[in-house]
Amino acid sequence: MSLDEGTTSARAALYDEQGRRTLMESVPIECRYPHPGWVEQDAEEIWRAQIEAVLRVVARESGGARSITAIGVTNQRETTIVWDRKTGKPVAPAIVWQCRRTAAYCNELAATPMAPRIAQKTGLVIDAYFSGSKIRWILENVPDARRKARDGELLFGNVDSWLIWRLTNGAVHVTDYSNASRTMLMDLESGEWEEELLDTFGVPRAMLPRIVPSSFVVGVTAAEHLGVEIPIAGIAGDQQAALFGQACFRPGLSKNTYGTGCFALMHTGARRPVSKHKLLATRAASTSEAEFAVEGSIFIAGAAIQWLRDKLGIIASAAESGELAGAVEGTGGVYFVPAFVGLGAPHWDSNARGMLTGLTAATGRAEIARAALEGIAYQTRELVEAMEADSGESLKELRVDGGAAASDFLMQFQADILGKRIVRPADSETTALGAAYLAGLAVGFFKGLGELEEFWRVQRVYEPAMGEQQREDLFAGWKTAVKRCRFG
């Protein structure tokens, strides 16, 4: 079983011995926006949604919970939860990865002599995106939190640690290398919490979970939750889990996940990448030795389509955006830069804000919907170009997954604007699949990586059909729009 806790929903899925998904259930989770740029969730709601999704799957499985060999957990990364060790109650709302409340502090830190050392140790760009500054904010703004944390009364975890702690009734407090590498508190090379980083952010070591491999039995679920004890044997941040689920086990293989945000990862094997184009070095999910990936992160992708639906009301469903977009030949010069919470890679500009540009009296719902989908593809091209520049290699194909990867319009436009083949697998829920693979390998349910490579199946391939001149003209217009949203 895979527990896939994302930004907007918690899902649970079952997989058979051939890596085929047999059941999946999903429960929505609410995001709250108490101030401009702030994003929060209720950690208790995250737990309730996840266990409800699990129980729904168990109820549908003929053998019940006893037929589950092991559980793998994958999660929205960087989202920060601090809770009381004794009561198990969160001391503050979960600060979601998109939240920008610590941007001013991060900007100050980035201007200090410590900044190059942080980047060298962590492989990350100093930004509010990561967990370190979020923990610091909670300790500084929740009464008595700093003292309690210092005395070992409070625990920190990203969503993986929180769920495992709850599943084991507080018996296990762990995270894996892939999640820990996103906190800005772990030395990327050694895979250990780093004292200088902890001192910089003011985070007591007593709060932190133990770091373990991604494929590893960490404990068992408390029997009260599912009626039986089940080994928890896999942990990975959602994007590293998706890379694993896409069978990208070798250097040079790449995937892009189209979810709330957009995340492109290229596997670099045992070689730690060093980016010159503001991409991130991160730990890849692996079964034994340390493996790495280079990553580009887009904060707003599918969330832009949700915004069209929920805030503007110009579409009734996400699927309608593709239908509208395909109904017109182009946007008429309209560009939509969805910098609602700033821009991620390769810009890392927390001050940028969203912009619709090029509007005329002829602009209608279809042009705006098309511009929103095209904006996702343009951002992905920026990431791919940065990856190619860092690696010195040209991508032959991009494997895709996530909810928005189901859009034929978006995938074809992505192929066109990249000038590269886009490959969509038969199971696009590769985040959940990756967590199941990691758990299954740890308990011998799956034989090895070679077997998993054989399980990977193609559902559709999109070949570029756009002329070179049109491709470059459209992308030049995008780059102009990005400049405007950054500099006015």
Protein backbone atom coordinates (compact mmCIF):
# COMPACT_ATOMS: atom_id res chain seq x y z
CA MET A 1 0.00 0.00 0.00
CA SER A 2 1.11 3.51 -0.80
CA LEU A 3 0.15 6.56 1.25
CA ASP A 4 0.44 9.57 -1.06
CA GLU A 5 -0.18 12.77 0.89
CA GLY A 6 -0.18 15.73 -1.48
CA THR A 7 -0.93 19.42 -1.19
CA THR A 8 -4.60 19.17 -2.10
CA SER A 9 -5.47 15.56 -1.26
CA ALA A 10 -4.41 12.46 0.66
CA ARG A 11 -4.53 9.25 -1.31
CA ALA A 12 -4.03 5.58 -0.61
CA ALA A 13 -3.38 2.95 -3.26
CA LEU A 14 -2.78 -0.79 -3.50
CA TYR A 15 -0.41 -2.46 -5.98
CA ASP A 16 0.02 -6.08 -7.03
CA GLU A 17 3.19 -8.10 -7.71
CA GLN A 18 3.42 -6.67 -11.27
CA GLY A 19 3.31 -3.07 -10.05
CA ARG A 20 -0.27 -2.60 -11.24
CA ARG A 21 -2.53 -0.36 -9.22
CA THR A 22 -5.63 -2.25 -8.10
CA LEU A 23 -7.32 0.31 -5.83
CA MET A 24 -7.01 4.00 -5.04
CA GLU A 25 -8.98 6.36 -2.81
CA SER A 26 -8.56 10.11 -2.37
CA VAL A 27 -9.72 12.56 0.31
CA PRO A 28 -9.38 16.34 -0.26
CA ILE A 29 -7.39 18.62 2.06
CA GLU A 30 -7.99 22.34 2.44
CA CYS A 31 -5.32 25.02 2.09
CA ARG A 32 -5.82 28.28 3.99
CA TYR A 33 -4.44 31.69 3.07
CA PRO A 34 -4.57 33.87 6.23
CA HIS A 35 -2.41 36.63 4.71
CA PRO A 36 -1.11 37.40 1.22
CA GLY A 37 1.63 34.90 0.41
CA TRP A 38 0.88 32.71 3.46
CA VAL A 39 -0.29 29.12 2.97
CA GLU A 40 -1.32 26.87 5.88
CA GLN A 41 -2.97 23.53 6.53
CA ASP A 42 -4.36 21.80 9.59
CA ALA A 43 -1.98 18.94 10.44
CA GLU A 44 -4.80 17.06 12.16
CA GLU A 45 -6.87 17.33 8.98
CA ILE A 46 -3.93 15.92 7.01
CA TRP A 47 -3.85 12.91 9.35
CA ARG A 48 -7.63 12.42 9.28
CA ALA A 49 -7.74 12.63 5.48
CA GLN A 50 -4.88 10.16 5.08
CA ILE A 51 -6.25 7.55 7.47
CA GLU A 52 -9.71 7.90 5.90
CA ALA A 53 -8.25 7.22 2.45
CA VAL A 54 -6.45 4.16 3.86
CA LEU A 55 -9.60 2.81 5.51
CA ARG A 56 -11.59 3.27 2.31
CA VAL A 57 -9.07 1.18 0.39
CA VAL A 58 -8.97 -1.49 3.09
CA ALA A 59 -12.78 -1.68 3.05
CA ARG A 60 -12.71 -2.36 -0.72
CA GLU A 61 -9.88 -4.91 -0.60
CA SER A 62 -11.31 -8.42 -0.34
CA GLY A 63 -8.57 -9.59 2.01
CA GLY A 64 -8.75 -6.47 4.16
CA ALA A 65 -5.68 -5.11 5.91
CA ARG A 66 -4.17 -8.59 6.30
CA SER A 67 -3.47 -8.71 2.57
CA ILE A 68 -1.15 -5.68 2.82
CA THR A 69 2.51 -6.75 2.91
CA ALA A 70 4.02 -3.33 3.57
CA ILE A 71 3.29 0.40 3.47
CA GLY A 72 5.23 3.12 1.67
CA VAL A 73 4.77 6.82 2.49
CA THR A 74 5.26 9.72 0.09
CA ASN A 75 4.41 13.32 0.83
CA GLN A 76 4.33 16.97 -0.08
CA ARG A 77 7.84 18.05 0.81
CA GLU A 78 9.02 21.00 2.92
CA THR A 79 5.59 21.45 4.55
CA THR A 80 6.51 21.96 8.20
CA ILE A 81 4.76 20.56 11.28
CA VAL A 82 5.82 21.03 14.91
CA TRP A 83 3.98 19.07 17.59
CA ASP A 84 4.09 18.30 21.30
CA ARG A 85 5.92 15.06 22.05
CA LYS A 86 3.59 14.11 24.93
CA THR A 87 0.17 15.19 23.67
CA GLY A 88 0.79 14.67 19.95
CA LYS A 89 -0.95 17.98 19.23
CA PRO A 90 0.48 20.42 16.66
CA VAL A 91 1.52 23.72 18.25
CA ALA A 92 0.70 25.71 15.11
CA PRO A 93 -0.85 25.20 11.67
CA ALA A 94 1.32 23.32 9.20
CA ILE A 95 3.29 25.82 7.11
CA VAL A 96 2.91 24.64 3.51
CA TRP A 97 5.85 24.52 1.09
CA GLN A 98 4.34 27.35 -0.97
CA CYS A 99 4.19 29.74 2.01
CA ARG A 100 6.31 32.89 1.69
CA ARG A 101 6.06 34.24 5.25
CA THR A 102 9.79 33.78 5.84
CA ALA A 103 10.89 35.38 2.55
CA ALA A 104 12.24 38.55 4.20
CA TYR A 105 14.36 36.54 6.64
CA CYS A 106 15.68 34.37 3.80
CA ASN A 107 16.57 37.44 1.76
CA GLU A 108 18.55 38.78 4.73
CA LEU A 109 20.28 35.43 5.23
CA ALA A 110 21.16 35.25 1.54
CA ALA A 111 23.05 38.53 1.90
CA THR A 112 25.29 37.26 4.73
CA PRO A 113 28.70 35.55 4.51
CA MET A 114 26.99 32.32 5.60
CA ALA A 115 25.01 32.08 2.35
CA PRO A 116 27.68 30.37 0.20
CA ARG A 117 28.32 27.81 2.95
CA ILE A 118 24.61 26.98 3.19
CA ALA A 119 24.40 26.47 -0.57
CA GLN A 120 27.55 24.34 -0.57
CA LYS A 121 26.43 22.14 2.32
CA THR A 122 22.80 21.67 1.24
CA GLY A 123 22.77 22.02 -2.55
CA LEU A 124 19.82 24.40 -2.14
CA VAL A 125 19.07 28.03 -2.91
CA ILE A 126 18.27 30.02 0.26
CA ASP A 127 14.52 30.44 0.04
CA ALA A 128 11.33 30.39 2.12
CA TYR A 129 10.42 27.22 0.21
CA PHE A 130 12.49 25.00 2.50
CA SER A 131 11.72 23.84 6.04
CA GLY A 132 14.54 25.46 8.06
CA SER A 133 13.17 28.99 8.07
CA LYS A 134 9.64 27.66 8.65
CA ILE A 135 10.72 25.85 11.85
CA ARG A 136 12.48 29.02 12.98
CA TRP A 137 9.29 31.04 12.41
CA ILE A 138 7.21 28.65 14.55
CA LEU A 139 9.76 28.69 17.37
CA GLU A 140 9.85 32.49 17.34
CA ASN A 141 6.10 33.10 17.05
CA VAL A 142 4.47 30.40 19.19
CA PRO A 143 4.65 31.26 22.92
CA ASP A 144 7.22 29.21 24.82
CA ALA A 145 7.94 27.07 21.75
CA ARG A 146 11.68 27.75 21.69
CA ARG A 147 12.14 26.66 25.32
CA LYS A 148 10.02 23.55 24.82
CA ALA A 149 11.94 22.64 21.68
CA ARG A 150 15.27 23.07 23.47
CA ASP A 151 14.05 20.85 26.30
CA GLY A 152 13.00 18.10 23.90
CA GLU A 153 9.25 18.64 24.40
CA LEU A 154 8.53 19.48 20.73
CA LEU A 155 9.12 17.45 17.58
CA PHE A 156 9.55 18.62 14.00
CA GLY A 157 8.63 16.70 10.92
CA ASN A 158 7.64 17.12 7.34
CA VAL A 159 4.42 15.31 6.47
CA ASP A 160 6.16 11.92 6.15
CA SER A 161 7.44 12.09 9.74
CA TRP A 162 4.07 13.29 11.04
CA LEU A 163 2.11 10.47 9.38
CA ILE A 164 4.55 7.76 10.48
CA TRP A 165 4.57 9.10 14.03
CA ARG A 166 0.76 8.94 14.08
CA LEU A 167 0.60 5.52 12.41
CA THR A 168 2.97 4.10 15.04
CA ASN A 169 1.30 5.97 17.95
CA GLY A 170 4.48 7.93 18.58
CA ALA A 171 6.84 4.95 18.56
CA VAL A 172 8.77 6.04 15.44
CA HIS A 173 10.10 9.51 14.60
CA VAL A 174 11.96 9.28 11.30
CA THR A 175 12.40 10.83 7.89
CA ASP A 176 14.34 9.67 4.85
CA TYR A 177 17.28 11.22 3.02
CA SER A 178 15.11 12.59 0.20
CA ASN A 179 12.89 14.57 2.58
CA ALA A 180 15.73 15.59 4.89
CA SER A 181 17.62 17.03 1.93
CA ARG A 182 14.78 19.56 1.53
CA THR A 183 14.96 21.02 5.03
CA MET A 184 18.14 23.10 4.52
CA LEU A 185 19.40 21.44 7.71
CA MET A 186 21.07 18.30 6.29
CA ASP A 187 24.54 18.07 4.79
CA LEU A 188 23.83 16.69 1.33
CA GLU A 189 27.05 14.74 1.12
CA SER A 190 27.05 13.04 4.53
CA GLY A 191 23.29 12.68 4.91
CA GLU A 192 23.40 13.93 8.50
CA TRP A 193 21.92 16.89 10.35
CA GLU A 194 24.59 19.59 10.30
CA GLU A 195 25.40 21.57 13.46
CA GLU A 196 26.30 24.84 11.73
CA LEU A 197 23.03 24.78 9.82
CA LEU A 198 21.04 24.00 12.98
CA ASP A 199 22.74 26.93 14.73
CA THR A 200 22.04 29.26 11.81
CA PHE A 201 18.32 28.56 11.87
CA GLY A 202 18.10 28.12 15.63
CA VAL A 203 16.73 24.59 15.44
CA PRO A 204 17.49 22.29 18.42
CA ARG A 205 18.69 18.84 17.38
CA ALA A 206 16.28 17.28 19.91
CA MET A 207 13.36 18.20 17.61
CA LEU A 208 14.65 16.34 14.60
CA PRO A 209 13.71 12.90 13.29
CA ARG A 210 16.23 10.13 12.64
CA ILE A 211 17.27 9.98 8.97
CA VAL A 212 16.90 6.56 7.31
CA PRO A 213 17.14 5.14 3.76
CA SER A 214 14.12 5.49 1.49
CA SER A 215 13.70 1.70 1.24
CA PHE A 216 13.93 0.46 4.80
CA VAL A 217 11.64 -1.08 7.44
CA VAL A 218 11.28 1.62 10.12
CA GLY A 219 8.56 0.05 12.26
CA VAL A 220 4.98 -1.18 12.14
CA THR A 221 1.58 0.49 12.26
CA ALA A 222 -0.18 0.35 15.62
CA ALA A 223 -2.82 -2.39 15.44
CA GLU A 224 -5.62 0.00 16.50
CA HIS A 225 -5.52 1.82 13.13
CA LEU A 226 -5.99 -1.09 10.71
CA GLY A 227 -6.58 -4.05 13.01
CA VAL A 228 -3.14 -5.51 12.28
CA GLU A 229 0.48 -4.41 12.46
CA ILE A 230 1.89 -3.66 8.99
CA PRO A 231 5.56 -2.83 8.28
CA ILE A 232 6.26 0.74 7.17
CA ALA A 233 9.06 0.10 4.69
CA GLY A 234 9.30 3.00 2.24
CA ILE A 235 9.60 6.79 2.57
CA ALA A 236 10.29 9.40 -0.09
CA GLY A 237 9.41 12.99 -0.84
CA ASP A 238 6.79 13.13 -3.58
CA GLN A 239 9.09 14.21 -6.40
CA GLN A 240 11.81 11.70 -5.61
CA ALA A 241 9.09 9.04 -5.32
CA ALA A 242 7.81 10.02 -8.78
CA LEU A 243 11.34 9.77 -10.21
CA PHE A 244 11.54 6.26 -8.74
CA GLY A 245 8.06 5.35 -9.96
CA GLN A 246 9.07 6.44 -13.48
CA ALA A 247 11.91 3.89 -13.31
CA CYS A 248 14.47 6.70 -13.64
CA PHE A 249 17.17 4.76 -11.83
CA ARG A 250 20.12 5.73 -14.06
CA PRO A 251 21.95 9.00 -14.65
CA GLY A 252 20.40 11.17 -17.35
CA LEU A 253 16.84 9.83 -17.04
CA SER A 254 14.38 12.65 -16.32
CA LYS A 255 10.76 13.18 -15.36
CA ASN A 256 8.43 16.12 -14.85
CA THR A 257 5.47 15.99 -12.48
CA TYR A 258 2.52 18.25 -13.27
CA GLY A 259 0.73 18.71 -9.96
CA THR A 260 -0.09 21.72 -7.81
CA GLY A 261 3.41 22.81 -8.72
CA CYS A 262 5.70 21.43 -11.39
CA PHE A 263 8.88 19.52 -10.62
CA ALA A 264 11.47 18.32 -13.11
CA LEU A 265 14.18 15.95 -11.86
CA MET A 266 17.18 14.43 -13.62
CA HIS A 267 18.90 11.47 -12.01
CA THR A 268 22.65 12.00 -11.60
CA GLY A 269 23.58 8.70 -9.91
CA ALA A 270 26.33 8.76 -7.28
CA ARG A 271 27.55 12.15 -8.56
CA ARG A 272 26.36 15.10 -6.52
CA PRO A 273 25.29 17.78 -9.01
CA VAL A 274 26.48 21.37 -8.74
CA SER A 275 24.14 23.75 -10.55
CA LYS A 276 25.26 26.98 -12.17
CA HIS A 277 21.71 27.83 -13.23
CA LYS A 278 19.87 28.02 -9.89
CA LEU A 279 18.63 24.47 -9.92
CA LEU A 280 18.73 22.36 -6.75
CA ALA A 281 20.88 19.40 -5.82
CA THR A 282 18.85 16.86 -3.89
CA ARG A 283 18.98 13.28 -2.67
CA ALA A 284 17.21 10.81 -4.94
CA ALA A 285 15.24 7.95 -3.42
CA SER A 286 17.45 4.88 -3.47
CA THR A 287 17.69 1.38 -2.05
CA SER A 288 21.25 1.47 -0.72
CA GLU A 289 24.07 3.85 -1.68
CA ALA A 290 23.56 7.61 -1.76
CA GLU A 291 22.16 8.78 -5.10
CA PHE A 292 21.43 12.30 -6.26
CA ALA A 293 19.28 14.31 -8.64
CA VAL A 294 19.19 17.83 -10.00
CA GLU A 295 15.78 19.47 -9.64
CA GLY A 296 13.88 22.44 -10.94
CA SER A 297 10.84 23.52 -8.93
CA ILE A 298 7.87 25.53 -10.21
CA PHE A 299 5.60 26.73 -7.42
CA ILE A 300 2.36 27.14 -9.41
CA ALA A 301 1.31 24.79 -12.22
CA GLY A 302 -1.98 22.91 -11.81
CA ALA A 303 -2.85 25.43 -9.09
CA ALA A 304 -3.21 28.04 -11.85
CA ILE A 305 -5.99 25.95 -13.41
CA GLN A 306 -7.65 25.65 -9.98
CA TRP A 307 -7.47 29.44 -9.74
CA LEU A 308 -9.31 29.82 -13.06
CA ARG A 309 -12.00 27.50 -11.70
CA ASP A 310 -12.32 28.63 -8.08
CA LYS A 311 -11.45 32.34 -8.19
CA LEU A 312 -12.35 33.51 -11.71
CA GLY A 313 -15.09 30.97 -12.37
CA ILE A 314 -14.29 30.79 -16.10
CA ILE A 315 -14.15 26.97 -16.10
CA ALA A 316 -16.24 24.43 -14.23
CA SER A 317 -13.57 21.72 -14.12
CA ALA A 318 -9.87 21.29 -14.80
CA ALA A 319 -10.67 19.15 -17.84
CA GLU A 320 -12.62 22.06 -19.36
CA SER A 321 -9.43 24.13 -19.58
CA GLY A 322 -8.01 21.79 -22.22
CA GLU A 323 -11.26 21.80 -24.17
CA LEU A 324 -11.35 25.61 -24.17
CA ALA A 325 -7.68 25.88 -25.07
CA GLY A 326 -8.11 23.57 -28.04
CA ALA A 327 -11.05 25.61 -29.31
CA VAL A 328 -8.80 28.54 -30.34
CA GLU A 329 -5.69 28.55 -32.52
CA GLY A 330 -3.66 30.61 -30.08
CA THR A 331 -3.83 33.02 -27.17
CA GLY A 332 -3.79 36.12 -29.35
CA GLY A 333 -0.60 37.28 -27.64
CA VAL A 334 -1.85 36.64 -24.09
CA TYR A 335 0.64 35.26 -21.56
CA PHE A 336 -0.21 34.11 -18.03
CA VAL A 337 2.71 34.04 -15.58
CA PRO A 338 1.30 32.37 -12.42
CA ALA A 339 3.75 33.89 -9.92
CA PHE A 340 1.17 33.87 -7.12
CA VAL A 341 3.84 33.11 -4.51
CA GLY A 342 6.86 34.35 -6.43
CA LEU A 343 8.88 32.43 -9.00
CA GLY A 344 10.86 29.27 -8.36
CA ALA A 345 13.65 27.88 -10.54
CA PRO A 346 15.51 29.18 -12.41
CA HIS A 347 14.57 32.70 -11.15
CA TRP A 348 14.05 32.31 -7.38
CA ASP A 349 12.32 35.67 -7.11
CA SER A 350 10.06 35.85 -4.05
CA ASN A 351 8.90 39.37 -4.99
CA ALA A 352 7.48 38.45 -8.41
CA ARG A 353 3.70 38.33 -8.64
CA GLY A 354 1.29 36.81 -11.13
CA MET A 355 0.48 38.58 -14.35
CA LEU A 356 -1.88 38.29 -17.31
CA THR A 357 -0.37 40.32 -20.13
CA GLY A 358 -1.31 41.01 -23.74
CA LEU A 359 -5.06 41.32 -23.09
CA THR A 360 -7.21 42.95 -25.78
CA ALA A 361 -10.95 43.37 -26.27
CA ALA A 362 -10.84 40.13 -28.27
CA THR A 363 -9.51 38.13 -25.31
CA GLY A 364 -12.02 35.66 -23.90
CA ARG A 365 -12.24 32.64 -21.63
CA ALA A 366 -10.60 30.34 -24.17
CA GLU A 367 -7.53 32.53 -24.65
CA ILE A 368 -7.01 32.87 -20.88
CA ALA A 369 -7.44 29.13 -20.32
CA ARG A 370 -4.98 28.41 -23.11
CA ALA A 371 -2.49 30.93 -21.71
CA ALA A 372 -2.68 29.24 -18.30
CA LEU A 373 -1.88 25.82 -19.75
CA GLU A 374 0.84 27.20 -22.01
CA GLY A 375 2.36 28.94 -18.96
CA ILE A 376 2.96 25.54 -17.37
CA ALA A 377 4.79 24.35 -20.49
CA TYR A 378 6.88 27.52 -20.79
CA GLN A 379 8.03 27.20 -17.17
CA THR A 380 8.99 23.57 -17.82
CA ARG A 381 11.09 24.61 -20.82
CA GLU A 382 12.98 27.02 -18.56
CA LEU A 383 13.79 24.11 -16.24
CA VAL A 384 14.81 21.75 -19.03
CA GLU A 385 17.14 24.34 -20.57
CA ALA A 386 18.78 24.89 -17.17
CA MET A 387 19.16 21.12 -16.68
CA GLU A 388 20.74 20.70 -20.08
CA ALA A 389 23.14 23.57 -19.41
CA ASP A 390 24.14 22.07 -16.04
CA SER A 391 24.55 18.52 -17.30
CA GLY A 392 25.99 19.26 -20.72
CA GLU A 393 23.54 16.71 -22.11
CA SER A 394 20.54 17.16 -24.37
CA LEU A 395 17.37 15.47 -23.13
CA LYS A 396 16.04 12.97 -25.65
CA GLU A 397 12.68 12.60 -23.95
CA LEU A 398 10.83 13.77 -20.87
CA ARG A 399 8.75 11.30 -18.88
CA VAL A 400 5.66 12.95 -17.42
CA ASP A 401 3.18 12.26 -14.63
CA GLY A 402 0.79 14.01 -12.26
CA GLY A 403 -2.79 15.15 -12.65
CA ALA A 404 -2.23 17.76 -15.38
CA ALA A 405 -0.25 15.24 -17.47
CA ALA A 406 -3.65 13.82 -18.41
CA SER A 407 -4.25 16.91 -20.57
CA ASP A 408 -3.57 16.01 -24.19
CA PHE A 409 -3.49 19.69 -25.11
CA LEU A 410 -0.86 20.50 -22.48
CA MET A 411 1.31 17.48 -23.33
CA GLN A 412 1.28 18.25 -27.06
CA PHE A 413 2.09 21.90 -26.44
CA GLN A 414 4.86 20.81 -24.08
CA ALA A 415 6.38 18.67 -26.83
CA ASP A 416 6.03 21.56 -29.29
CA ILE A 417 7.59 24.24 -27.10
CA LEU A 418 10.42 21.93 -25.98
CA GLY A 419 11.03 20.39 -29.37
CA LYS A 420 11.36 17.05 -27.58
CA ARG A 421 9.40 13.84 -27.21
CA ILE A 422 7.03 13.65 -24.23
CA VAL A 423 6.30 10.17 -22.84
CA ARG A 424 3.31 9.51 -20.60
CA PRO A 425 3.30 6.14 -18.78
CA ALA A 426 0.31 3.85 -18.46
CA ASP A 427 0.07 4.73 -14.75
CA SER A 428 0.52 8.48 -14.35
CA GLU A 429 0.19 8.22 -10.54
CA THR A 430 3.91 7.55 -10.33
CA THR A 431 4.36 9.28 -6.96
CA ALA A 432 2.24 6.66 -5.22
CA LEU A 433 3.81 3.93 -7.35
CA GLY A 434 7.32 4.98 -6.34
CA ALA A 435 6.47 4.75 -2.63
CA ALA A 436 4.99 1.29 -3.18
CA TYR A 437 8.10 0.18 -5.08
CA LEU A 438 10.39 1.38 -2.26
CA ALA A 439 8.35 -0.44 0.38
CA GLY A 440 8.04 -3.59 -1.73
CA LEU A 441 11.79 -3.77 -2.34
CA ALA A 442 12.52 -3.47 1.38
CA VAL A 443 10.41 -6.53 2.24
CA GLY A 444 11.18 -8.64 -0.83
CA PHE A 445 7.76 -8.16 -2.46
CA PHE A 446 9.60 -6.94 -5.59
CA LYS A 447 12.81 -8.64 -6.74
CA GLY A 448 14.89 -5.66 -7.80
CA LEU A 449 15.28 -2.59 -10.01
CA GLY A 450 15.49 -4.66 -13.18
CA GLU A 451 12.04 -6.05 -12.54
CA LEU A 452 10.64 -2.57 -11.90
CA GLU A 453 12.10 -1.30 -15.18
CA GLU A 454 10.15 -4.03 -16.96
CA PHE A 455 6.94 -2.87 -15.24
CA TRP A 456 7.23 0.65 -16.72
CA ARG A 457 4.76 0.88 -19.59
CA VAL A 458 4.11 3.70 -22.10
CA GLN A 459 0.57 4.95 -22.54
CA ARG A 460 1.20 7.69 -25.12
CA VAL A 461 4.05 9.53 -26.83
CA TYR A 462 3.77 13.15 -27.99
CA GLU A 463 6.10 14.22 -30.79
CA PRO A 464 6.87 17.91 -31.46
CA ALA A 465 4.92 19.28 -34.44
CA MET A 466 5.66 23.02 -34.20
CA GLY A 467 8.09 24.83 -36.47
CA GLU A 468 11.33 26.15 -34.99
CA GLN A 469 10.58 29.81 -35.72
CA GLN A 470 7.13 29.69 -34.13
CA ARG A 471 8.54 27.86 -31.11
CA GLU A 472 11.22 30.49 -30.50
CA ASP A 473 8.88 33.44 -31.13
CA LEU A 474 6.38 32.16 -28.59
CA PHE A 475 9.09 31.50 -26.02
CA ALA A 476 10.57 34.97 -26.53
CA GLY A 477 7.13 36.40 -25.71
CA TRP A 478 7.06 34.32 -22.52
CA LYS A 479 10.45 35.63 -21.42
CA THR A 480 9.22 39.21 -21.93
CA ALA A 481 6.15 38.48 -19.79
CA VAL A 482 8.34 37.03 -17.01
CA LYS A 483 10.49 40.18 -17.00
CA ARG A 484 7.38 42.31 -16.58
CA CYS A 485 6.10 40.32 -13.61
CA ARG A 486 9.51 40.53 -11.94
CA PHE A 487 10.37 44.14 -12.59
CA GLY A 488 7.05 45.83 -13.37
